[in-house]
N, C-alpha and C. Protein backbone atom coordinates (compact mmCIF):
# COMPACT_ATOMS: atom_id res chain seq x y z
N MET A 1 -19.71 -14.65 -4.78
CA MET A 1 -19.21 -15.39 -3.63
C MET A 1 -20.34 -15.46 -2.60
N SER A 2 -20.67 -16.64 -2.15
CA SER A 2 -21.74 -16.78 -1.16
C SER A 2 -21.21 -16.47 0.24
N GLU A 3 -22.13 -16.36 1.19
CA GLU A 3 -21.74 -16.02 2.56
C GLU A 3 -20.84 -17.08 3.18
N GLU A 4 -20.99 -18.35 2.75
CA GLU A 4 -20.19 -19.43 3.33
C GLU A 4 -18.74 -19.39 2.85
N GLN A 5 -18.52 -18.82 1.67
CA GLN A 5 -17.18 -18.78 1.12
C GLN A 5 -16.39 -17.62 1.73
N VAL A 6 -15.13 -17.87 1.96
CA VAL A 6 -14.24 -16.85 2.50
C VAL A 6 -13.13 -16.62 1.49
N SER A 7 -12.83 -15.37 1.23
CA SER A 7 -11.77 -15.04 0.28
C SER A 7 -10.41 -15.39 0.88
N ASN A 8 -9.55 -15.97 0.07
CA ASN A 8 -8.18 -16.25 0.49
C ASN A 8 -7.26 -15.05 0.23
N ASP A 9 -7.78 -14.02 -0.40
CA ASP A 9 -7.01 -12.83 -0.71
C ASP A 9 -6.78 -12.03 0.57
N PRO A 10 -5.52 -11.87 1.01
CA PRO A 10 -5.26 -11.14 2.24
C PRO A 10 -5.64 -9.65 2.14
N LEU A 11 -5.82 -9.15 0.92
CA LEU A 11 -6.19 -7.75 0.74
C LEU A 11 -7.69 -7.56 0.58
N HIS A 12 -8.45 -8.65 0.64
CA HIS A 12 -9.90 -8.57 0.46
C HIS A 12 -10.52 -7.60 1.46
N GLY A 13 -11.27 -6.63 0.94
CA GLY A 13 -11.95 -5.66 1.78
C GLY A 13 -11.09 -4.49 2.22
N LYS A 14 -9.82 -4.47 1.83
CA LYS A 14 -8.93 -3.38 2.21
C LYS A 14 -8.71 -2.46 1.01
N THR A 15 -8.98 -1.19 1.21
CA THR A 15 -8.78 -0.23 0.13
C THR A 15 -7.30 0.15 0.05
N LEU A 16 -6.91 0.68 -1.08
CA LEU A 16 -5.54 1.16 -1.24
C LEU A 16 -5.26 2.28 -0.24
N ALA A 17 -6.24 3.12 0.02
CA ALA A 17 -6.06 4.20 1.00
C ALA A 17 -5.79 3.63 2.39
N PHE A 18 -6.53 2.59 2.78
CA PHE A 18 -6.32 1.95 4.08
C PHE A 18 -4.92 1.37 4.16
N ILE A 19 -4.50 0.68 3.10
CA ILE A 19 -3.17 0.07 3.07
C ILE A 19 -2.10 1.13 3.22
N MET A 20 -2.22 2.22 2.47
CA MET A 20 -1.23 3.30 2.57
C MET A 20 -1.20 3.92 3.96
N GLU A 21 -2.36 4.18 4.52
CA GLU A 21 -2.41 4.77 5.87
C GLU A 21 -1.73 3.87 6.88
N GLN A 22 -1.96 2.57 6.78
CA GLN A 22 -1.34 1.62 7.70
C GLN A 22 0.18 1.60 7.53
N LEU A 23 0.64 1.58 6.29
CA LEU A 23 2.08 1.54 6.04
C LEU A 23 2.77 2.82 6.49
N VAL A 24 2.15 3.96 6.25
CA VAL A 24 2.75 5.23 6.68
C VAL A 24 2.81 5.28 8.21
N GLU A 25 1.75 4.81 8.86
CA GLU A 25 1.73 4.81 10.32
C GLU A 25 2.81 3.87 10.87
N ARG A 26 2.98 2.74 10.22
CA ARG A 26 3.93 1.73 10.69
C ARG A 26 5.39 2.13 10.41
N TYR A 27 5.66 2.58 9.17
CA TYR A 27 7.03 2.80 8.75
C TYR A 27 7.44 4.27 8.65
N GLY A 28 6.50 5.14 8.37
CA GLY A 28 6.84 6.54 8.09
C GLY A 28 7.29 6.68 6.64
N TRP A 29 7.28 7.90 6.14
CA TRP A 29 7.60 8.14 4.73
C TRP A 29 9.05 7.80 4.40
N ASP A 30 9.98 8.15 5.30
CA ASP A 30 11.39 7.90 5.00
C ASP A 30 11.67 6.40 4.82
N GLU A 31 11.13 5.59 5.71
CA GLU A 31 11.35 4.15 5.60
C GLU A 31 10.61 3.56 4.40
N LEU A 32 9.42 4.07 4.10
CA LEU A 32 8.71 3.60 2.90
C LEU A 32 9.52 3.91 1.65
N ALA A 33 10.08 5.10 1.58
CA ALA A 33 10.88 5.49 0.42
C ALA A 33 12.14 4.64 0.33
N ARG A 34 12.68 4.21 1.45
CA ARG A 34 13.86 3.35 1.45
C ARG A 34 13.49 1.94 0.97
N ARG A 35 12.36 1.42 1.43
CA ARG A 35 11.94 0.07 1.09
C ARG A 35 11.41 -0.03 -0.34
N ILE A 36 10.72 1.00 -0.80
CA ILE A 36 10.14 1.02 -2.15
C ILE A 36 10.58 2.32 -2.80
N ARG A 37 11.41 2.21 -3.82
CA ARG A 37 11.98 3.39 -4.48
C ARG A 37 10.95 4.05 -5.39
N ILE A 38 10.12 4.90 -4.80
CA ILE A 38 9.11 5.64 -5.55
C ILE A 38 9.22 7.10 -5.13
N ASN A 39 9.37 7.99 -6.10
CA ASN A 39 9.57 9.40 -5.79
C ASN A 39 8.46 10.00 -4.94
N CYS A 40 7.22 9.57 -5.14
CA CYS A 40 6.12 10.17 -4.38
C CYS A 40 6.20 9.82 -2.89
N PHE A 41 7.04 8.84 -2.51
CA PHE A 41 7.28 8.56 -1.10
C PHE A 41 8.43 9.39 -0.55
N ALA A 42 9.31 9.84 -1.43
CA ALA A 42 10.53 10.53 -1.00
C ALA A 42 10.47 12.05 -1.13
N ILE A 43 9.73 12.52 -2.13
CA ILE A 43 9.70 13.96 -2.41
C ILE A 43 8.31 14.51 -2.13
N ASN A 44 8.21 15.33 -1.09
CA ASN A 44 6.94 15.95 -0.72
C ASN A 44 5.80 14.91 -0.62
N PRO A 45 5.98 13.88 0.21
CA PRO A 45 5.01 12.78 0.23
C PRO A 45 3.67 13.15 0.87
N SER A 46 2.61 12.55 0.35
CA SER A 46 1.28 12.66 0.94
C SER A 46 0.49 11.43 0.53
N ILE A 47 -0.50 11.09 1.31
CA ILE A 47 -1.36 9.96 0.96
C ILE A 47 -2.03 10.23 -0.39
N LYS A 48 -2.55 11.45 -0.56
CA LYS A 48 -3.29 11.78 -1.78
C LYS A 48 -2.42 11.62 -3.03
N SER A 49 -1.21 12.19 -3.01
CA SER A 49 -0.35 12.08 -4.20
C SER A 49 0.09 10.64 -4.44
N SER A 50 0.31 9.91 -3.37
CA SER A 50 0.70 8.51 -3.50
C SER A 50 -0.43 7.68 -4.11
N LEU A 51 -1.65 7.90 -3.65
CA LEU A 51 -2.79 7.16 -4.19
C LEU A 51 -2.98 7.45 -5.68
N THR A 52 -2.83 8.70 -6.06
CA THR A 52 -2.96 9.07 -7.48
C THR A 52 -1.94 8.31 -8.32
N PHE A 53 -0.70 8.30 -7.86
CA PHE A 53 0.37 7.60 -8.59
C PHE A 53 0.13 6.09 -8.61
N LEU A 54 -0.18 5.51 -7.45
CA LEU A 54 -0.34 4.06 -7.36
C LEU A 54 -1.51 3.54 -8.18
N ARG A 55 -2.56 4.32 -8.27
CA ARG A 55 -3.73 3.89 -9.06
C ARG A 55 -3.42 3.85 -10.55
N LYS A 56 -2.44 4.65 -10.99
CA LYS A 56 -2.09 4.69 -12.41
C LYS A 56 -0.90 3.80 -12.75
N THR A 57 -0.25 3.24 -11.73
CA THR A 57 1.01 2.54 -11.94
C THR A 57 0.97 1.14 -11.31
N PRO A 58 0.54 0.16 -12.07
CA PRO A 58 0.35 -1.19 -11.51
C PRO A 58 1.58 -1.79 -10.83
N TRP A 59 2.78 -1.60 -11.40
CA TRP A 59 3.98 -2.19 -10.79
C TRP A 59 4.24 -1.60 -9.42
N ALA A 60 3.99 -0.31 -9.26
CA ALA A 60 4.23 0.35 -7.96
C ALA A 60 3.18 -0.11 -6.94
N ARG A 61 1.93 -0.20 -7.39
CA ARG A 61 0.87 -0.68 -6.49
C ARG A 61 1.19 -2.10 -6.01
N GLN A 62 1.69 -2.93 -6.90
CA GLN A 62 2.03 -4.31 -6.54
C GLN A 62 3.12 -4.33 -5.46
N LYS A 63 4.10 -3.46 -5.57
CA LYS A 63 5.16 -3.38 -4.56
C LYS A 63 4.59 -2.97 -3.20
N VAL A 64 3.66 -2.02 -3.21
CA VAL A 64 3.04 -1.56 -1.96
C VAL A 64 2.21 -2.69 -1.35
N GLU A 65 1.42 -3.37 -2.17
CA GLU A 65 0.60 -4.48 -1.68
C GLU A 65 1.48 -5.61 -1.15
N ASN A 66 2.58 -5.89 -1.83
CA ASN A 66 3.49 -6.94 -1.36
C ASN A 66 4.10 -6.58 -0.01
N LEU A 67 4.50 -5.33 0.17
CA LEU A 67 5.04 -4.89 1.45
C LEU A 67 3.99 -5.02 2.53
N TYR A 68 2.78 -4.62 2.25
CA TYR A 68 1.69 -4.74 3.23
C TYR A 68 1.49 -6.20 3.62
N ASN A 69 1.51 -7.10 2.65
CA ASN A 69 1.31 -8.53 2.93
C ASN A 69 2.47 -9.12 3.72
N ARG A 70 3.70 -8.62 3.52
CA ARG A 70 4.87 -9.13 4.25
C ARG A 70 4.97 -8.56 5.66
N THR A 71 4.30 -7.44 5.92
CA THR A 71 4.40 -6.79 7.22
C THR A 71 3.64 -7.60 8.27
N LYS A 72 4.29 -7.82 9.41
CA LYS A 72 3.65 -8.53 10.52
C LYS A 72 2.86 -7.52 11.32
N TRP A 73 1.56 -7.64 11.30
CA TRP A 73 0.70 -6.73 12.03
C TRP A 73 0.37 -7.33 13.37
């Protein structure tokens, strides 16, 4: 991609860790667990354990990315 081109991907340049930190700050773990039914959000949640799970589980990562894209910042 040249300097003149701009990515249309809203997640371009955002790491999964950044996305998770933003969502936890915005919603908190309880609300995240309510919005996305993933045990690592509901049981002893942490950014580290969530990242480990999300990196291995494409469907869960997609749900997190979709929530991030739908959130009005």
